[in-house]
């Protein structure tokens, strides 16, 4: 059974850091592009970051560039999202999702329909 499970969310003060994990089961995560998305209350879900199938190319939303870093550990079948310098506007439920296996270039963040398997999400709250 294909499954993605996010973890690592929580409550953090502005300026703090969190590392989210996305663990895959039922498929080899290394053979697919993986994306991170988030949805804040009352807002549409938006793309945050993605990593290409090869793991070489990454893509970030402008709002998180320079603060967030996506990476993958193929041995652990896990993708990470390191989030630094967190702001209150980063508060949201964060989801990871499986993209396509042939996204070797820059993976898209705007084509959410192309991501076919989604996790249940993990809550990130940035507040003092």
C-alpha atoms as a PDB file:
ATOM      1  CA  UNK A   1       0.000   0.000   0.000  1.00  0.00           C
ATOM      2  CA  UNK A   2       1.376   3.368  -1.008  1.00  0.00           C
ATOM      3  CA  UNK A   3       1.706   5.654   1.960  1.00  0.00           C
ATOM      4  CA  UNK A   4       3.433   8.870   3.004  1.00  0.00           C
ATOM      5  CA  UNK A   5       3.641   9.839   6.662  1.00  0.00           C
ATOM      6  CA  UNK A   6       4.737  13.280   7.799  1.00  0.00           C
ATOM      7  CA  UNK A   7       6.186  14.035  11.203  1.00  0.00           C
ATOM      8  CA  UNK A   8       8.180  16.709  12.992  1.00  0.00           C
ATOM      9  CA  UNK A   9       5.617  19.457  13.261  1.00  0.00           C
ATOM     10  CA  UNK A  10       4.947  21.391  16.431  1.00  0.00           C
ATOM     11  CA  UNK A  11       4.893  24.758  18.123  1.00  0.00           C
ATOM     12  CA  UNK A  12       7.933  26.978  17.682  1.00  0.00           C
ATOM     13  CA  UNK A  13       8.705  30.621  18.387  1.00  0.00           C
ATOM     14  CA  UNK A  14       9.385  33.069  15.558  1.00  0.00           C
ATOM     15  CA  UNK A  15      12.947  32.706  14.391  1.00  0.00           C
ATOM     16  CA  UNK A  16      13.074  29.078  15.426  1.00  0.00           C
ATOM     17  CA  UNK A  17      13.606  25.921  13.398  1.00  0.00           C
ATOM     18  CA  UNK A  18      11.871  22.636  12.709  1.00  0.00           C
ATOM     19  CA  UNK A  19      12.689  19.661  10.539  1.00  0.00           C
ATOM     20  CA  UNK A  20       9.811  17.843   8.934  1.00  0.00           C
ATOM     21  CA  UNK A  21      10.121  14.255   7.754  1.00  0.00           C
ATOM     22  CA  UNK A  22       8.175  12.450   5.056  1.00  0.00           C
ATOM     23  CA  UNK A  23       8.539   8.692   5.291  1.00  0.00           C
ATOM     24  CA  UNK A  24       7.390   6.554   2.390  1.00  0.00           C
ATOM     25  CA  UNK A  25       6.163   2.979   2.363  1.00  0.00           C
ATOM     26  CA  UNK A  26       5.016   0.778  -0.476  1.00  0.00           C
ATOM     27  CA  UNK A  27       7.348   2.358  -3.006  1.00  0.00           C
ATOM     28  CA  UNK A  28      10.924   3.528  -3.380  1.00  0.00           C
ATOM     29  CA  UNK A  29      10.899   7.227  -2.693  1.00  0.00           C
ATOM     30  CA  UNK A  30      14.185   7.617  -4.578  1.00  0.00           C
ATOM     31  CA  UNK A  31      12.417   6.913  -7.881  1.00  0.00           C
ATOM     32  CA  UNK A  32       9.967   9.796  -7.615  1.00  0.00           C
ATOM     33  CA  UNK A  33       9.967  13.535  -7.227  1.00  0.00           C
ATOM     34  CA  UNK A  34       8.562  14.562  -3.858  1.00  0.00           C
ATOM     35  CA  UNK A  35       6.911  17.822  -2.928  1.00  0.00           C
ATOM     36  CA  UNK A  36       6.019  19.661   0.244  1.00  0.00           C
ATOM     37  CA  UNK A  37       2.828  21.713   0.399  1.00  0.00           C
ATOM     38  CA  UNK A  38       1.062  23.656   3.118  1.00  0.00           C
ATOM     39  CA  UNK A  39      -2.380  24.936   3.881  1.00  0.00           C
ATOM     40  CA  UNK A  40      -3.065  27.710   6.338  1.00  0.00           C
ATOM     41  CA  UNK A  41      -6.533  28.264   7.841  1.00  0.00           C
ATOM     42  CA  UNK A  42      -8.817  29.913   5.336  1.00  0.00           C
ATOM     43  CA  UNK A  43      -6.271  29.724   2.545  1.00  0.00           C
ATOM     44  CA  UNK A  44      -5.689  27.487  -0.422  1.00  0.00           C
ATOM     45  CA  UNK A  45      -3.026  24.817  -0.317  1.00  0.00           C
ATOM     46  CA  UNK A  46       0.238  26.077  -1.782  1.00  0.00           C
ATOM     47  CA  UNK A  47       3.472  24.517  -2.920  1.00  0.00           C
ATOM     48  CA  UNK A  48       6.464  24.994  -0.637  1.00  0.00           C
ATOM     49  CA  UNK A  49       9.282  22.938  -2.097  1.00  0.00           C
ATOM     50  CA  UNK A  50      10.012  19.892  -4.184  1.00  0.00           C
ATOM     51  CA  UNK A  51      12.961  17.709  -5.036  1.00  0.00           C
ATOM     52  CA  UNK A  52      13.447  16.042  -8.387  1.00  0.00           C
ATOM     53  CA  UNK A  53      13.525  12.317  -9.016  1.00  0.00           C
ATOM     54  CA  UNK A  54      17.308  12.353  -9.178  1.00  0.00           C
ATOM     55  CA  UNK A  55      17.513  14.445  -6.041  1.00  0.00           C
ATOM     56  CA  UNK A  56      19.712  16.953  -7.845  1.00  0.00           C
ATOM     57  CA  UNK A  57      17.174  19.658  -8.630  1.00  0.00           C
ATOM     58  CA  UNK A  58      15.120  21.487  -6.029  1.00  0.00           C
ATOM     59  CA  UNK A  59      12.443  24.131  -6.242  1.00  0.00           C
ATOM     60  CA  UNK A  60      11.193  26.562  -3.615  1.00  0.00           C
ATOM     61  CA  UNK A  61       8.355  28.996  -3.266  1.00  0.00           C
ATOM     62  CA  UNK A  62       9.601  32.575  -3.131  1.00  0.00           C
ATOM     63  CA  UNK A  63       8.234  32.935   0.394  1.00  0.00           C
ATOM     64  CA  UNK A  64      10.584  30.250   1.768  1.00  0.00           C
ATOM     65  CA  UNK A  65      13.704  30.650  -0.370  1.00  0.00           C
ATOM     66  CA  UNK A  66      16.808  30.980   1.744  1.00  0.00           C
ATOM     67  CA  UNK A  67      15.016  29.685   4.847  1.00  0.00           C
ATOM     68  CA  UNK A  68      13.837  26.174   3.934  1.00  0.00           C
ATOM     69  CA  UNK A  69      15.902  23.303   2.571  1.00  0.00           C
ATOM     70  CA  UNK A  70      14.564  20.081   1.099  1.00  0.00           C
ATOM     71  CA  UNK A  71      16.654  16.913   1.081  1.00  0.00           C
ATOM     72  CA  UNK A  72      16.251  13.179   0.821  1.00  0.00           C
ATOM     73  CA  UNK A  73      17.793  10.114   2.427  1.00  0.00           C
ATOM     74  CA  UNK A  74      17.194   7.232   0.039  1.00  0.00           C
ATOM     75  CA  UNK A  75      18.484   4.666   2.514  1.00  0.00           C
ATOM     76  CA  UNK A  76      15.764   5.719   4.958  1.00  0.00           C
ATOM     77  CA  UNK A  77      13.179   6.242   2.215  1.00  0.00           C
ATOM     78  CA  UNK A  78      12.559   9.678   3.681  1.00  0.00           C
ATOM     79  CA  UNK A  79      12.447  13.273   2.472  1.00  0.00           C
ATOM     80  CA  UNK A  80      13.103  16.145   4.855  1.00  0.00           C
ATOM     81  CA  UNK A  81      12.164  19.793   4.985  1.00  0.00           C
ATOM     82  CA  UNK A  82      14.486  21.837   7.180  1.00  0.00           C
ATOM     83  CA  UNK A  83      12.749  25.051   8.131  1.00  0.00           C
ATOM     84  CA  UNK A  84      14.792  27.880   9.642  1.00  0.00           C
ATOM     85  CA  UNK A  85      13.973  31.468  10.577  1.00  0.00           C
ATOM     86  CA  UNK A  86      10.325  30.544  10.909  1.00  0.00           C
ATOM     87  CA  UNK A  87       7.711  33.271  10.752  1.00  0.00           C
ATOM     88  CA  UNK A  88       4.120  33.354  12.001  1.00  0.00           C
ATOM     89  CA  UNK A  89       2.970  33.267   8.384  1.00  0.00           C
ATOM     90  CA  UNK A  90       4.570  29.816   8.042  1.00  0.00           C
ATOM     91  CA  UNK A  91       1.859  28.448  10.326  1.00  0.00           C
ATOM     92  CA  UNK A  92      -0.017  25.763   8.408  1.00  0.00           C
ATOM     93  CA  UNK A  93      -0.574  22.069   7.986  1.00  0.00           C
ATOM     94  CA  UNK A  94       2.321  20.714   5.946  1.00  0.00           C
ATOM     95  CA  UNK A  95       1.831  17.832   3.538  1.00  0.00           C
ATOM     96  CA  UNK A  96       4.228  15.812   1.460  1.00  0.00           C
ATOM     97  CA  UNK A  97       3.180  14.276  -1.818  1.00  0.00           C
ATOM     98  CA  UNK A  98       4.539  11.986  -4.505  1.00  0.00           C
ATOM     99  CA  UNK A  99       5.203  13.534  -7.871  1.00  0.00           C
ATOM    100  CA  UNK A 100       6.129  11.832 -11.096  1.00  0.00           C
ATOM    101  CA  UNK A 101       8.997   9.450 -11.668  1.00  0.00           C
ATOM    102  CA  UNK A 102      10.195  11.365 -14.751  1.00  0.00           C
ATOM    103  CA  UNK A 103      10.657  14.762 -13.159  1.00  0.00           C
ATOM    104  CA  UNK A 104      14.410  14.920 -13.510  1.00  0.00           C
ATOM    105  CA  UNK A 105      14.428  18.665 -14.107  1.00  0.00           C
ATOM    106  CA  UNK A 106      12.858  21.376 -11.995  1.00  0.00           C
ATOM    107  CA  UNK A 107       9.769  19.852 -10.385  1.00  0.00           C
ATOM    108  CA  UNK A 108       6.607  21.949 -10.507  1.00  0.00           C
ATOM    109  CA  UNK A 109       4.927  23.305  -7.394  1.00  0.00           C
ATOM    110  CA  UNK A 110       1.871  24.696  -9.133  1.00  0.00           C
ATOM    111  CA  UNK A 111       0.559  21.467 -10.677  1.00  0.00           C
ATOM    112  CA  UNK A 112      -0.773  19.851  -7.524  1.00  0.00           C
ATOM    113  CA  UNK A 113      -2.949  17.492  -9.548  1.00  0.00           C
ATOM    114  CA  UNK A 114       0.175  15.765 -10.822  1.00  0.00           C
ATOM    115  CA  UNK A 115       1.024  14.618  -7.304  1.00  0.00           C
ATOM    116  CA  UNK A 116      -0.804  11.352  -6.804  1.00  0.00           C
ATOM    117  CA  UNK A 117      -0.178  10.248  -3.206  1.00  0.00           C
ATOM    118  CA  UNK A 118      -0.507  12.545  -0.188  1.00  0.00           C
ATOM    119  CA  UNK A 119       0.274  12.226   3.473  1.00  0.00           C
ATOM    120  CA  UNK A 120      -2.093  13.142   6.285  1.00  0.00           C
ATOM    121  CA  UNK A 121      -0.203  16.308   7.186  1.00  0.00           C
ATOM    122  CA  UNK A 122       1.630  17.667  10.207  1.00  0.00           C
ATOM    123  CA  UNK A 123       0.761  20.904  11.976  1.00  0.00           C
ATOM    124  CA  UNK A 124       3.357  23.655  12.224  1.00  0.00           C
ATOM    125  CA  UNK A 125       2.541  26.604  14.455  1.00  0.00           C
ATOM    126  CA  UNK A 126       4.865  29.597  14.729  1.00  0.00           C
ATOM    127  CA  UNK A 127       3.885  31.789  17.635  1.00  0.00           C
ATOM    128  CA  UNK A 128       5.355  33.545  20.627  1.00  0.00           C
END
